[in-house]
PDB file of N, CA and C in Angstrom:
ATOM      1  N   UNK A   1      -6.386  33.961  -0.280  1.00  0.00           N
ATOM      2  CA  UNK A   1      -5.850  33.273  -1.439  1.00  0.00           C
ATOM      3  C   UNK A   1      -6.643  33.715  -2.665  1.00  0.00           C
ATOM      4  N   UNK A   2      -5.936  34.000  -3.751  1.00  0.00           N
ATOM      5  CA  UNK A   2      -6.639  34.406  -4.964  1.00  0.00           C
ATOM      6  C   UNK A   2      -7.266  33.181  -5.618  1.00  0.00           C
ATOM      7  N   UNK A   3      -8.236  33.434  -6.481  1.00  0.00           N
ATOM      8  CA  UNK A   3      -8.918  32.325  -7.150  1.00  0.00           C
ATOM      9  C   UNK A   3      -7.934  31.515  -7.991  1.00  0.00           C
ATOM     10  N   UNK A   4      -6.984  32.197  -8.636  1.00  0.00           N
ATOM     11  CA  UNK A   4      -6.000  31.511  -9.464  1.00  0.00           C
ATOM     12  C   UNK A   4      -5.153  30.562  -8.624  1.00  0.00           C
ATOM     13  N   UNK A   5      -4.697  31.033  -7.470  1.00  0.00           N
ATOM     14  CA  UNK A   5      -3.914  30.169  -6.583  1.00  0.00           C
ATOM     15  C   UNK A   5      -4.755  29.015  -6.083  1.00  0.00           C
ATOM     16  N   UNK A   6      -6.021  29.277  -5.787  1.00  0.00           N
ATOM     17  CA  UNK A   6      -6.909  28.244  -5.281  1.00  0.00           C
ATOM     18  C   UNK A   6      -7.070  27.124  -6.314  1.00  0.00           C
ATOM     19  N   UNK A   7      -7.222  27.478  -7.575  1.00  0.00           N
ATOM     20  CA  UNK A   7      -7.369  26.478  -8.633  1.00  0.00           C
ATOM     21  C   UNK A   7      -6.088  25.655  -8.761  1.00  0.00           C
ATOM     22  N   UNK A   8      -4.955  26.327  -8.740  1.00  0.00           N
ATOM     23  CA  UNK A   8      -3.675  25.624  -8.826  1.00  0.00           C
ATOM     24  C   UNK A   8      -3.514  24.691  -7.629  1.00  0.00           C
ATOM     25  N   UNK A   9      -3.881  25.160  -6.438  1.00  0.00           N
ATOM     26  CA  UNK A   9      -3.791  24.317  -5.235  1.00  0.00           C
ATOM     27  C   UNK A   9      -4.717  23.111  -5.330  1.00  0.00           C
ATOM     28  N   UNK A  10      -5.924  23.313  -5.859  1.00  0.00           N
ATOM     29  CA  UNK A  10      -6.860  22.195  -6.034  1.00  0.00           C
ATOM     30  C   UNK A  10      -6.304  21.160  -7.004  1.00  0.00           C
ATOM     31  N   UNK A  11      -5.756  21.638  -8.114  1.00  0.00           N
ATOM     32  CA  UNK A  11      -5.182  20.721  -9.100  1.00  0.00           C
ATOM     33  C   UNK A  11      -3.976  19.983  -8.524  1.00  0.00           C
ATOM     34  N   UNK A  12      -3.166  20.695  -7.776  1.00  0.00           N
ATOM     35  CA  UNK A  12      -2.000  20.072  -7.143  1.00  0.00           C
ATOM     36  C   UNK A  12      -2.432  18.990  -6.149  1.00  0.00           C
ATOM     37  N   UNK A  13      -3.467  19.271  -5.370  1.00  0.00           N
ATOM     38  CA  UNK A  13      -3.986  18.276  -4.421  1.00  0.00           C
ATOM     39  C   UNK A  13      -4.501  17.051  -5.166  1.00  0.00           C
ATOM     40  N   UNK A  14      -5.176  17.263  -6.304  1.00  0.00           N
ATOM     41  CA  UNK A  14      -5.675  16.152  -7.107  1.00  0.00           C
ATOM     42  C   UNK A  14      -4.546  15.310  -7.675  1.00  0.00           C
ATOM     43  N   UNK A  15      -3.509  15.951  -8.163  1.00  0.00           N
ATOM     44  CA  UNK A  15      -2.353  15.229  -8.718  1.00  0.00           C
ATOM     45  C   UNK A  15      -1.687  14.399  -7.616  1.00  0.00           C
ATOM     46  N   UNK A  16      -1.565  14.990  -6.446  1.00  0.00           N
ATOM     47  CA  UNK A  16      -0.959  14.277  -5.308  1.00  0.00           C
ATOM     48  C   UNK A  16      -1.796  13.054  -4.925  1.00  0.00           C
ATOM     49  N   UNK A  17      -3.107  13.221  -4.885  1.00  0.00           N
ATOM     50  CA  UNK A  17      -3.999  12.105  -4.534  1.00  0.00           C
ATOM     51  C   UNK A  17      -3.926  10.999  -5.578  1.00  0.00           C
ATOM     52  N   UNK A  18      -3.881  11.369  -6.848  1.00  0.00           N
ATOM     53  CA  UNK A  18      -3.806  10.355  -7.907  1.00  0.00           C
ATOM     54  C   UNK A  18      -2.472   9.622  -7.871  1.00  0.00           C
ATOM     55  N   UNK A  19      -1.404  10.299  -7.482  1.00  0.00           N
ATOM     56  CA  UNK A  19      -0.105   9.627  -7.327  1.00  0.00           C
ATOM     57  C   UNK A  19      -0.164   8.576  -6.229  1.00  0.00           C
ATOM     58  N   UNK A  20      -0.806   8.932  -5.111  1.00  0.00           N
ATOM     59  CA  UNK A  20      -0.974   7.975  -4.014  1.00  0.00           C
ATOM     60  C   UNK A  20      -1.866   6.815  -4.454  1.00  0.00           C
ATOM     61  N   UNK A  21      -2.924   7.113  -5.182  1.00  0.00           N
ATOM     62  CA  UNK A  21      -3.827   6.060  -5.664  1.00  0.00           C
ATOM     63  C   UNK A  21      -3.069   5.115  -6.616  1.00  0.00           C
ATOM     64  N   UNK A  22      -2.196   5.663  -7.429  1.00  0.00           N
ATOM     65  CA  UNK A  22      -1.388   4.841  -8.348  1.00  0.00           C
ATOM     66  C   UNK A  22      -0.555   3.846  -7.552  1.00  0.00           C
ATOM     67  N   UNK A  23       0.031   4.310  -6.452  1.00  0.00           N
ATOM     68  CA  UNK A  23       0.846   3.420  -5.617  1.00  0.00           C
ATOM     69  C   UNK A  23      -0.011   2.348  -4.938  1.00  0.00           C
ATOM     70  N   UNK A  24      -1.230   2.698  -4.526  1.00  0.00           N
ATOM     71  CA  UNK A  24      -2.085   1.685  -3.887  1.00  0.00           C
ATOM     72  C   UNK A  24      -2.526   0.626  -4.903  1.00  0.00           C
ATOM     73  N   UNK A  25      -2.814   1.061  -6.120  1.00  0.00           N
ATOM     74  CA  UNK A  25      -3.192   0.106  -7.172  1.00  0.00           C
ATOM     75  C   UNK A  25      -2.023  -0.842  -7.453  1.00  0.00           C
ATOM     76  N   UNK A  26      -0.814  -0.287  -7.541  1.00  0.00           N
ATOM     77  CA  UNK A  26       0.374  -1.116  -7.774  1.00  0.00           C
ATOM     78  C   UNK A  26       0.563  -2.116  -6.637  1.00  0.00           C
ATOM     79  N   UNK A  27       0.326  -1.675  -5.410  1.00  0.00           N
ATOM     80  CA  UNK A  27       0.438  -2.572  -4.255  1.00  0.00           C
ATOM     81  C   UNK A  27      -0.598  -3.690  -4.344  1.00  0.00           C
ATOM     82  N   UNK A  28      -1.817  -3.335  -4.699  1.00  0.00           N
ATOM     83  CA  UNK A  28      -2.862  -4.350  -4.848  1.00  0.00           C
ATOM     84  C   UNK A  28      -2.476  -5.381  -5.905  1.00  0.00           C
ATOM     85  N   UNK A  29      -1.995  -4.907  -7.049  1.00  0.00           N
ATOM     86  CA  UNK A  29      -1.628  -5.815  -8.135  1.00  0.00           C
ATOM     87  C   UNK A  29      -0.459  -6.710  -7.725  1.00  0.00           C
ATOM     88  N   UNK A  30       0.492  -6.142  -6.997  1.00  0.00           N
ATOM     89  CA  UNK A  30       1.660  -6.915  -6.568  1.00  0.00           C
ATOM     90  C   UNK A  30       1.280  -7.998  -5.555  1.00  0.00           C
ATOM     91  N   UNK A  31       0.194  -7.785  -4.843  1.00  0.00           N
ATOM     92  CA  UNK A  31      -0.223  -8.724  -3.793  1.00  0.00           C
ATOM     93  C   UNK A  31      -1.411  -9.587  -4.191  1.00  0.00           C
ATOM     94  N   UNK A  32      -1.641  -9.736  -5.470  1.00  0.00           N
ATOM     95  CA  UNK A  32      -2.825 -10.465  -5.936  1.00  0.00           C
ATOM     96  C   UNK A  32      -2.853 -11.925  -5.449  1.00  0.00           C
ATOM     97  N   UNK A  33      -1.714 -12.514  -5.212  1.00  0.00           N
ATOM     98  CA  UNK A  33      -1.654 -13.905  -4.746  1.00  0.00           C
ATOM     99  C   UNK A  33      -1.283 -14.018  -3.271  1.00  0.00           C
ATOM    100  N   UNK A  34      -1.148 -12.903  -2.572  1.00  0.00           N
ATOM    101  CA  UNK A  34      -0.767 -12.937  -1.155  1.00  0.00           C
ATOM    102  C   UNK A  34      -1.967 -13.354  -0.307  1.00  0.00           C
ATOM    103  N   UNK A  35      -1.838 -14.448   0.431  1.00  0.00           N
ATOM    104  CA  UNK A  35      -2.954 -14.895   1.273  1.00  0.00           C
ATOM    105  C   UNK A  35      -3.362 -13.816   2.298  1.00  0.00           C
ATOM    106  N   UNK A  36      -4.660 -13.652   2.473  1.00  0.00           N
ATOM    107  CA  UNK A  36      -5.278 -12.725   3.420  1.00  0.00           C
ATOM    108  C   UNK A  36      -4.988 -11.247   3.135  1.00  0.00           C
ATOM    109  N   UNK A  37      -4.418 -10.938   1.977  1.00  0.00           N
ATOM    110  CA  UNK A  37      -4.209  -9.526   1.627  1.00  0.00           C
ATOM    111  C   UNK A  37      -5.548  -8.913   1.250  1.00  0.00           C
ATOM    112  N   UNK A  38      -5.853  -7.777   1.800  1.00  0.00           N
ATOM    113  CA  UNK A  38      -7.072  -7.044   1.455  1.00  0.00           C
ATOM    114  C   UNK A  38      -6.673  -5.803   0.667  1.00  0.00           C
ATOM    115  N   UNK A  39      -7.380  -5.572  -0.427  1.00  0.00           N
ATOM    116  CA  UNK A  39      -7.056  -4.440  -1.296  1.00  0.00           C
ATOM    117  C   UNK A  39      -7.222  -3.133  -0.551  1.00  0.00           C
ATOM    118  N   UNK A  40      -6.446  -2.138  -0.981  1.00  0.00           N
ATOM    119  CA  UNK A  40      -6.529  -0.805  -0.404  1.00  0.00           C
ATOM    120  C   UNK A  40      -6.906   0.183  -1.497  1.00  0.00           C
ATOM    121  N   UNK A  41      -7.434   1.305  -1.075  1.00  0.00           N
ATOM    122  CA  UNK A  41      -7.838   2.356  -2.003  1.00  0.00           C
ATOM    123  C   UNK A  41      -7.580   3.697  -1.328  1.00  0.00           C
ATOM    124  N   UNK A  42      -7.816   4.768  -2.071  1.00  0.00           N
ATOM    125  CA  UNK A  42      -7.586   6.115  -1.564  1.00  0.00           C
ATOM    126  C   UNK A  42      -8.904   6.865  -1.517  1.00  0.00           C
ATOM    127  N   UNK A  43      -9.170   7.470  -0.379  1.00  0.00           N
ATOM    128  CA  UNK A  43     -10.339   8.322  -0.217  1.00  0.00           C
ATOM    129  C   UNK A  43      -9.852   9.767  -0.334  1.00  0.00           C
ATOM    130  N   UNK A  44     -10.304  10.450  -1.370  1.00  0.00           N
ATOM    131  CA  UNK A  44      -9.919  11.850  -1.543  1.00  0.00           C
ATOM    132  C   UNK A  44     -11.069  12.680  -2.089  1.00  0.00           C
ATOM    133  N   UNK A  45     -11.712  12.183  -3.139  1.00  0.00           N
ATOM    134  CA  UNK A  45     -12.747  12.967  -3.817  1.00  0.00           C
ATOM    135  C   UNK A  45     -13.835  13.411  -2.847  1.00  0.00           C
ATOM    136  N   UNK A  46     -14.297  12.472  -2.008  1.00  0.00           N
ATOM    137  CA  UNK A  46     -15.368  12.832  -1.090  1.00  0.00           C
ATOM    138  C   UNK A  46     -14.877  13.788   0.003  1.00  0.00           C
ATOM    139  N   UNK A  47     -13.605  13.665   0.421  1.00  0.00           N
ATOM    140  CA  UNK A  47     -13.049  14.585   1.419  1.00  0.00           C
ATOM    141  C   UNK A  47     -12.925  15.990   0.837  1.00  0.00           C
ATOM    142  N   UNK A  48     -12.491  16.077  -0.405  1.00  0.00           N
ATOM    143  CA  UNK A  48     -12.360  17.378  -1.069  1.00  0.00           C
ATOM    144  C   UNK A  48     -13.731  18.008  -1.275  1.00  0.00           C
ATOM    145  N   UNK A  49     -14.694  17.214  -1.735  1.00  0.00           N
ATOM    146  CA  UNK A  49     -16.058  17.735  -1.948  1.00  0.00           C
ATOM    147  C   UNK A  49     -16.638  18.273  -0.644  1.00  0.00           C
ATOM    148  N   UNK A  50     -16.432  17.548   0.442  1.00  0.00           N
ATOM    149  CA  UNK A  50     -16.943  17.992   1.746  1.00  0.00           C
ATOM    150  C   UNK A  50     -16.290  19.309   2.165  1.00  0.00           C
ATOM    151  N   UNK A  51     -14.979  19.419   1.954  1.00  0.00           N
ATOM    152  CA  UNK A  51     -14.270  20.650   2.309  1.00  0.00           C
ATOM    153  C   UNK A  51     -14.748  21.828   1.462  1.00  0.00           C
ATOM    154  N   UNK A  52     -14.985  21.581   0.171  1.00  0.00           N
ATOM    155  CA  UNK A  52     -15.419  22.661  -0.722  1.00  0.00           C
ATOM    156  C   UNK A  52     -16.857  23.097  -0.435  1.00  0.00           C
ATOM    157  N   UNK A  53     -17.674  22.191   0.107  1.00  0.00           N
ATOM    158  CA  UNK A  53     -19.060  22.541   0.426  1.00  0.00           C
ATOM    159  C   UNK A  53     -19.167  23.283   1.752  1.00  0.00           C
ATOM    160  N   UNK A  54     -18.099  23.283   2.516  1.00  0.00           N
ATOM    161  CA  UNK A  54     -18.098  23.951   3.806  1.00  0.00           C
ATOM    162  C   UNK A  54     -18.193  25.458   3.609  1.00  0.00           C
ATOM    163  N   UNK A  55     -18.808  26.132   4.564  1.00  0.00           N
ATOM    164  CA  UNK A  55     -18.948  27.590   4.469  1.00  0.00           C
ATOM    165  C   UNK A  55     -17.637  28.284   4.841  1.00  0.00           C
ATOM    166  N   UNK A  56     -16.711  27.551   5.443  1.00  0.00           N
ATOM    167  CA  UNK A  56     -15.420  28.128   5.819  1.00  0.00           C
ATOM    168  C   UNK A  56     -14.443  28.046   4.654  1.00  0.00           C
ATOM    169  N   UNK A  57     -13.360  28.822   4.747  1.00  0.00           N
ATOM    170  CA  UNK A  57     -12.325  28.800   3.716  1.00  0.00           C
ATOM    171  C   UNK A  57     -11.676  27.420   3.693  1.00  0.00           C
ATOM    172  N   UNK A  58     -11.332  26.962   2.506  1.00  0.00           N
ATOM    173  CA  UNK A  58     -10.740  25.633   2.333  1.00  0.00           C
ATOM    174  C   UNK A  58      -9.237  25.722   2.544  1.00  0.00           C
ATOM    175  N   UNK A  59      -8.727  24.945   3.476  1.00  0.00           N
ATOM    176  CA  UNK A  59      -7.284  24.822   3.689  1.00  0.00           C
ATOM    177  C   UNK A  59      -6.868  23.479   3.105  1.00  0.00           C
ATOM    178  N   UNK A  60      -6.341  23.520   1.881  1.00  0.00           N
ATOM    179  CA  UNK A  60      -6.028  22.276   1.169  1.00  0.00           C
ATOM    180  C   UNK A  60      -4.919  21.470   1.835  1.00  0.00           C
ATOM    181  N   UNK A  61      -4.136  22.113   2.703  1.00  0.00           N
ATOM    182  CA  UNK A  61      -3.115  21.363   3.436  1.00  0.00           C
ATOM    183  C   UNK A  61      -3.758  20.384   4.415  1.00  0.00           C
ATOM    184  N   UNK A  62      -4.999  20.652   4.793  1.00  0.00           N
ATOM    185  CA  UNK A  62      -5.698  19.787   5.737  1.00  0.00           C
ATOM    186  C   UNK A  62      -6.548  18.730   5.030  1.00  0.00           C
ATOM    187  N   UNK A  63      -6.696  18.846   3.716  1.00  0.00           N
ATOM    188  CA  UNK A  63      -7.450  17.856   2.945  1.00  0.00           C
ATOM    189  C   UNK A  63      -6.435  16.874   2.366  1.00  0.00           C
ATOM    190  N   UNK A  64      -6.156  15.848   3.153  1.00  0.00           N
ATOM    191  CA  UNK A  64      -5.159  14.857   2.771  1.00  0.00           C
ATOM    192  C   UNK A  64      -5.843  13.574   2.307  1.00  0.00           C
ATOM    193  N   UNK A  65      -5.344  12.966   1.237  1.00  0.00           N
ATOM    194  CA  UNK A  65      -5.894  11.680   0.816  1.00  0.00           C
ATOM    195  C   UNK A  65      -5.655  10.632   1.908  1.00  0.00           C
ATOM    196  N   UNK A  66      -6.617   9.737   2.078  1.00  0.00           N
ATOM    197  CA  UNK A  66      -6.514   8.696   3.096  1.00  0.00           C
ATOM    198  C   UNK A  66      -6.521   7.317   2.441  1.00  0.00           C
ATOM    199  N   UNK A  67      -5.635   6.455   2.897  1.00  0.00           N
ATOM    200  CA  UNK A  67      -5.632   5.066   2.438  1.00  0.00           C
ATOM    201  C   UNK A  67      -6.564   4.279   3.355  1.00  0.00           C
ATOM    202  N   UNK A  68      -7.401   3.466   2.747  1.00  0.00           N
ATOM    203  CA  UNK A  68      -8.339   2.660   3.538  1.00  0.00           C
ATOM    204  C   UNK A  68      -8.596   1.333   2.831  1.00  0.00           C
ATOM    205  N   UNK A  69      -9.173   0.385   3.556  1.00  0.00           N
ATOM    206  CA  UNK A  69      -9.575  -0.904   2.993  1.00  0.00           C
ATOM    207  C   UNK A  69     -11.080  -0.857   2.745  1.00  0.00           C
ATOM    208  N   UNK A  70     -11.512  -0.873   1.485  1.00  0.00           N
ATOM    209  CA  UNK A  70     -12.947  -0.779   1.193  1.00  0.00           C
ATOM    210  C   UNK A  70     -13.779  -1.920   1.780  1.00  0.00           C
ATOM    211  N   UNK A  71     -13.250  -3.139   1.791  1.00  0.00           N
ATOM    212  CA  UNK A  71     -13.946  -4.322   2.327  1.00  0.00           C
ATOM    213  C   UNK A  71     -15.339  -4.515   1.721  1.00  0.00           C
ATOM    214  N   UNK A  72     -15.462  -4.222   0.437  1.00  0.00           N
ATOM    215  CA  UNK A  72     -16.743  -4.419  -0.252  1.00  0.00           C
ATOM    216  C   UNK A  72     -16.594  -5.330  -1.469  1.00  0.00           C
ATOM    217  N   UNK A  73     -15.535  -6.125  -1.484  1.00  0.00           N
ATOM    218  CA  UNK A  73     -15.286  -7.013  -2.616  1.00  0.00           C
ATOM    219  C   UNK A  73     -15.333  -8.466  -2.152  1.00  0.00           C
ATOM    220  N   UNK A  74     -15.530  -9.381  -3.080  1.00  0.00           N
ATOM    221  CA  UNK A  74     -15.592 -10.803  -2.737  1.00  0.00           C
ATOM    222  C   UNK A  74     -14.216 -11.292  -2.337  1.00  0.00           C
ATOM    223  N   UNK A  75     -14.232 -12.151  -1.357  1.00  0.00           N
ATOM    224  CA  UNK A  75     -12.987 -12.718  -0.853  1.00  0.00           C
ATOM    225  C   UNK A  75     -12.831 -14.132  -1.413  1.00  0.00           C
ATOM    226  N   UNK A  76     -11.632 -14.411  -1.945  1.00  0.00           N
ATOM    227  CA  UNK A  76     -11.351 -15.747  -2.464  1.00  0.00           C
ATOM    228  C   UNK A  76     -11.020 -16.698  -1.307  1.00  0.00           C
ATOM    229  N   UNK A  77     -10.821 -17.958  -1.612  1.00  0.00           N
ATOM    230  CA  UNK A  77     -10.537 -18.985  -0.600  1.00  0.00           C
ATOM    231  C   UNK A  77      -9.322 -18.660   0.261  1.00  0.00           C
ATOM    232  N   UNK A  78      -8.338 -17.977  -0.311  1.00  0.00           N
ATOM    233  CA  UNK A  78      -7.117 -17.664   0.448  1.00  0.00           C
ATOM    234  C   UNK A  78      -7.244 -16.370   1.268  1.00  0.00           C
ATOM    235  N   UNK A  79      -8.442 -15.773   1.300  1.00  0.00           N
ATOM    236  CA  UNK A  79      -8.654 -14.554   2.084  1.00  0.00           C
ATOM    237  C   UNK A  79      -8.283 -13.277   1.356  1.00  0.00           C
ATOM    238  N   UNK A  80      -7.854 -13.379   0.107  1.00  0.00           N
ATOM    239  CA  UNK A  80      -7.447 -12.235  -0.702  1.00  0.00           C
ATOM    240  C   UNK A  80      -8.657 -11.732  -1.493  1.00  0.00           C
ATOM    241  N   UNK A  81      -8.776 -10.422  -1.630  1.00  0.00           N
ATOM    242  CA  UNK A  81      -9.923  -9.876  -2.361  1.00  0.00           C
ATOM    243  C   UNK A  81      -9.530  -9.036  -3.576  1.00  0.00           C
ATOM    244  N   UNK A  82      -8.297  -9.182  -4.060  1.00  0.00           N
ATOM    245  CA  UNK A  82      -7.832  -8.392  -5.200  1.00  0.00           C
ATOM    246  C   UNK A  82      -8.295  -9.025  -6.500  1.00  0.00           C
ATOM    247  N   UNK A  83      -8.880  -8.222  -7.368  1.00  0.00           N
ATOM    248  CA  UNK A  83      -9.291  -8.658  -8.699  1.00  0.00           C
ATOM    249  C   UNK A  83      -8.447  -7.900  -9.721  1.00  0.00           C
ATOM    250  N   UNK A  84      -7.714  -8.632 -10.540  1.00  0.00           N
ATOM    251  CA  UNK A  84      -6.858  -7.978 -11.537  1.00  0.00           C
ATOM    252  C   UNK A  84      -7.685  -7.112 -12.479  1.00  0.00           C
ATOM    253  N   UNK A  85      -8.862  -7.579 -12.879  1.00  0.00           N
ATOM    254  CA  UNK A  85      -9.712  -6.804 -13.786  1.00  0.00           C
ATOM    255  C   UNK A  85     -10.113  -5.476 -13.143  1.00  0.00           C
ATOM    256  N   UNK A  86     -10.504  -5.513 -11.880  1.00  0.00           N
ATOM    257  CA  UNK A  86     -10.905  -4.287 -11.180  1.00  0.00           C
ATOM    258  C   UNK A  86      -9.720  -3.335 -11.027  1.00  0.00           C
ATOM    259  N   UNK A  87      -8.554  -3.887 -10.732  1.00  0.00           N
ATOM    260  CA  UNK A  87      -7.368  -3.036 -10.554  1.00  0.00           C
ATOM    261  C   UNK A  87      -6.950  -2.392 -11.872  1.00  0.00           C
ATOM    262  N   UNK A  88      -7.019  -3.140 -12.963  1.00  0.00           N
ATOM    263  CA  UNK A  88      -6.688  -2.564 -14.274  1.00  0.00           C
ATOM    264  C   UNK A  88      -7.680  -1.445 -14.608  1.00  0.00           C
ATOM    265  N   UNK A  89      -8.959  -1.668 -14.310  1.00  0.00           N
ATOM    266  CA  UNK A  89      -9.958  -0.623 -14.524  1.00  0.00           C
ATOM    267  C   UNK A  89      -9.659   0.612 -13.695  1.00  0.00           C
ATOM    268  N   UNK A  90      -9.279   0.411 -12.433  1.00  0.00           N
ATOM    269  CA  UNK A  90      -8.911   1.537 -11.560  1.00  0.00           C
ATOM    270  C   UNK A  90      -7.669   2.247 -12.089  1.00  0.00           C
ATOM    271  N   UNK A  91      -6.737   1.469 -12.609  1.00  0.00           N
ATOM    272  CA  UNK A  91      -5.505   2.030 -13.160  1.00  0.00           C
ATOM    273  C   UNK A  91      -5.797   2.941 -14.350  1.00  0.00           C
ATOM    274  N   UNK A  92      -6.662   2.494 -15.241  1.00  0.00           N
ATOM    275  CA  UNK A  92      -7.031   3.298 -16.408  1.00  0.00           C
ATOM    276  C   UNK A  92      -7.744   4.580 -15.965  1.00  0.00           C
ATOM    277  N   UNK A  93      -8.712   4.442 -15.081  1.00  0.00           N
ATOM    278  CA  UNK A  93      -9.463   5.599 -14.582  1.00  0.00           C
ATOM    279  C   UNK A  93      -8.529   6.587 -13.894  1.00  0.00           C
ATOM    280  N   UNK A  94      -7.617   6.076 -13.087  1.00  0.00           N
ATOM    281  CA  UNK A  94      -6.673   6.927 -12.372  1.00  0.00           C
ATOM    282  C   UNK A  94      -5.752   7.667 -13.346  1.00  0.00           C
ATOM    283  N   UNK A  95      -5.281   6.961 -14.363  1.00  0.00           N
ATOM    284  CA  UNK A  95      -4.403   7.586 -15.362  1.00  0.00           C
ATOM    285  C   UNK A  95      -5.114   8.705 -16.106  1.00  0.00           C
ATOM    286  N   UNK A  96      -6.383   8.483 -16.431  1.00  0.00           N
ATOM    287  CA  UNK A  96      -7.153   9.524 -17.124  1.00  0.00           C
ATOM    288  C   UNK A  96      -7.351  10.750 -16.236  1.00  0.00           C
ATOM    289  N   UNK A  97      -7.657  10.515 -14.956  1.00  0.00           N
ATOM    290  CA  UNK A  97      -7.831  11.636 -14.027  1.00  0.00           C
ATOM    291  C   UNK A  97      -6.529  12.403 -13.859  1.00  0.00           C
ATOM    292  N   UNK A  98      -5.430  11.671 -13.721  1.00  0.00           N
ATOM    293  CA  UNK A  98      -4.128  12.308 -13.554  1.00  0.00           C
ATOM    294  C   UNK A  98      -3.786  13.161 -14.773  1.00  0.00           C
ATOM    295  N   UNK A  99      -4.012  12.615 -15.948  1.00  0.00           N
ATOM    296  CA  UNK A  99      -3.753  13.356 -17.187  1.00  0.00           C
ATOM    297  C   UNK A  99      -4.609  14.624 -17.256  1.00  0.00           C
ATOM    298  N   UNK A 100      -5.868  14.516 -16.860  1.00  0.00           N
ATOM    299  CA  UNK A 100      -6.759  15.683 -16.867  1.00  0.00           C
ATOM    300  C   UNK A 100      -6.249  16.765 -15.916  1.00  0.00           C
ATOM    301  N   UNK A 101      -5.844  16.371 -14.716  1.00  0.00           N
ATOM    302  CA  UNK A 101      -5.311  17.343 -13.753  1.00  0.00           C
ATOM    303  C   UNK A 101      -4.063  18.036 -14.305  1.00  0.00           C
ATOM    304  N   UNK A 102      -3.161  17.253 -14.893  1.00  0.00           N
ATOM    305  CA  UNK A 102      -1.915  17.825 -15.424  1.00  0.00           C
ATOM    306  C   UNK A 102      -2.211  18.779 -16.576  1.00  0.00           C
ATOM    307  N   UNK A 103      -3.120  18.402 -17.457  1.00  0.00           N
ATOM    308  CA  UNK A 103      -3.460  19.279 -18.590  1.00  0.00           C
ATOM    309  C   UNK A 103      -4.122  20.572 -18.113  1.00  0.00           C
ATOM    310  N   UNK A 104      -4.994  20.463 -17.129  1.00  0.00           N
ATOM    311  CA  UNK A 104      -5.627  21.668 -16.573  1.00  0.00           C
ATOM    312  C   UNK A 104      -4.586  22.562 -15.907  1.00  0.00           C
ATOM    313  N   UNK A 105      -3.630  21.958 -15.231  1.00  0.00           N
ATOM    314  CA  UNK A 105      -2.550  22.733 -14.605  1.00  0.00           C
ATOM    315  C   UNK A 105      -1.724  23.440 -15.673  1.00  0.00           C
ATOM    316  N   UNK A 106      -1.384  22.734 -16.754  1.00  0.00           N
ATOM    317  CA  UNK A 106      -0.628  23.351 -17.845  1.00  0.00           C
ATOM    318  C   UNK A 106      -1.395  24.527 -18.435  1.00  0.00           C
ATOM    319  N   UNK A 107      -2.700  24.347 -18.624  1.00  0.00           N
ATOM    320  CA  UNK A 107      -3.532  25.407 -19.189  1.00  0.00           C
ATOM    321  C   UNK A 107      -3.554  26.619 -18.253  1.00  0.00           C
ATOM    322  N   UNK A 108      -3.662  26.388 -16.958  1.00  0.00           N
ATOM    323  CA  UNK A 108      -3.693  27.484 -15.995  1.00  0.00           C
ATOM    324  C   UNK A 108      -2.380  28.247 -16.028  1.00  0.00           C
ATOM    325  N   UNK A 109      -1.257  27.547 -16.081  1.00  0.00           N
ATOM    326  CA  UNK A 109       0.042  28.225 -16.137  1.00  0.00           C
ATOM    327  C   UNK A 109       0.221  28.988 -17.442  1.00  0.00           C
ATOM    328  N   UNK A 110      -0.314  28.457 -18.526  1.00  0.00           N
ATOM    329  CA  UNK A 110      -0.268  29.177 -19.801  1.00  0.00           C
ATOM    330  C   UNK A 110      -1.061  30.479 -19.703  1.00  0.00           C
ATOM    331  N   UNK A 111      -2.217  30.434 -19.048  1.00  0.00           N
ATOM    332  CA  UNK A 111      -3.030  31.646 -18.839  1.00  0.00           C
ATOM    333  C   UNK A 111      -2.292  32.661 -17.975  1.00  0.00           C
ATOM    334  N   UNK A 112      -1.658  32.192 -16.924  1.00  0.00           N
ATOM    335  CA  UNK A 112      -0.909  33.096 -16.036  1.00  0.00           C
ATOM    336  C   UNK A 112       0.250  33.730 -16.802  1.00  0.00           C
ATOM    337  N   UNK A 113       0.950  32.913 -17.579  1.00  0.00           N
ATOM    338  CA  UNK A 113       2.057  33.401 -18.393  1.00  0.00           C
ATOM    339  C   UNK A 113       1.582  34.468 -19.386  1.00  0.00           C
ATOM    340  N   UNK A 114       0.454  34.219 -20.028  1.00  0.00           N
ATOM    341  CA  UNK A 114      -0.102  35.192 -20.990  1.00  0.00           C
ATOM    342  C   UNK A 114      -0.478  36.490 -20.286  1.00  0.00           C
ATOM    343  N   UNK A 115      -1.053  36.400 -19.098  1.00  0.00           N
ATOM    344  CA  UNK A 115      -1.424  37.598 -18.346  1.00  0.00           C
ATOM    345  C   UNK A 115      -0.189  38.410 -17.952  1.00  0.00           C
ATOM    346  N   UNK A 116       0.890  37.720 -17.638  1.00  0.00           N
ATOM    347  CA  UNK A 116       2.132  38.412 -17.262  1.00  0.00           C
ATOM    348  C   UNK A 116       2.706  39.137 -18.482  1.00  0.00           C
ATOM    349  N   UNK A 117       2.669  38.483 -19.661  1.00  0.00           N
ATOM    350  CA  UNK A 117       3.173  39.113 -20.884  1.00  0.00           C
ATOM    351  C   UNK A 117       2.372  40.348 -21.238  1.00  0.00           C
ATOM    352  N   UNK A 118       1.038  40.269 -21.094  1.00  0.00           N
ATOM    353  CA  UNK A 118       0.179  41.411 -21.433  1.00  0.00           C
ATOM    354  C   UNK A 118       0.401  42.551 -20.444  1.00  0.00           C
ATOM    355  N   UNK A 119       0.529  42.205 -19.179  1.00  0.00           N
ATOM    356  CA  UNK A 119       0.679  43.228 -18.138  1.00  0.00           C
ATOM    357  C   UNK A 119       2.092  43.783 -18.037  1.00  0.00           C
ATOM    358  N   UNK A 120       3.055  43.070 -18.588  1.00  0.00           N
ATOM    359  CA  UNK A 120       4.471  43.433 -18.407  1.00  0.00           C
ATOM    360  C   UNK A 120       4.998  44.282 -19.449  1.00  0.00           C
TER     361      UNK A 120
END
């Protein structure tokens, strides 16, 4: 895989993970009053970092975001651990990351397009 394709694949994997994280945040917010509901999150950054630190070639098809229950938040009387403030914070952070990935992808495609014009 060329370096250019690798960067595009990395950005695509990030966009996909942020889309999944957006859905988990929405699910958490929708279930804020559901008794015994435990918030969910997406594990991706650490999986990607581990794959990139490996001495073997990175197969991004095998680096899939995982949904998990963090279980590190306070539980209210009804057994629910969703905090609207925390979810809104996650939503903002996720939106910023998603925007960054999309802008980097646009920039990469602009570079590829420019290289094709120069070479063509």
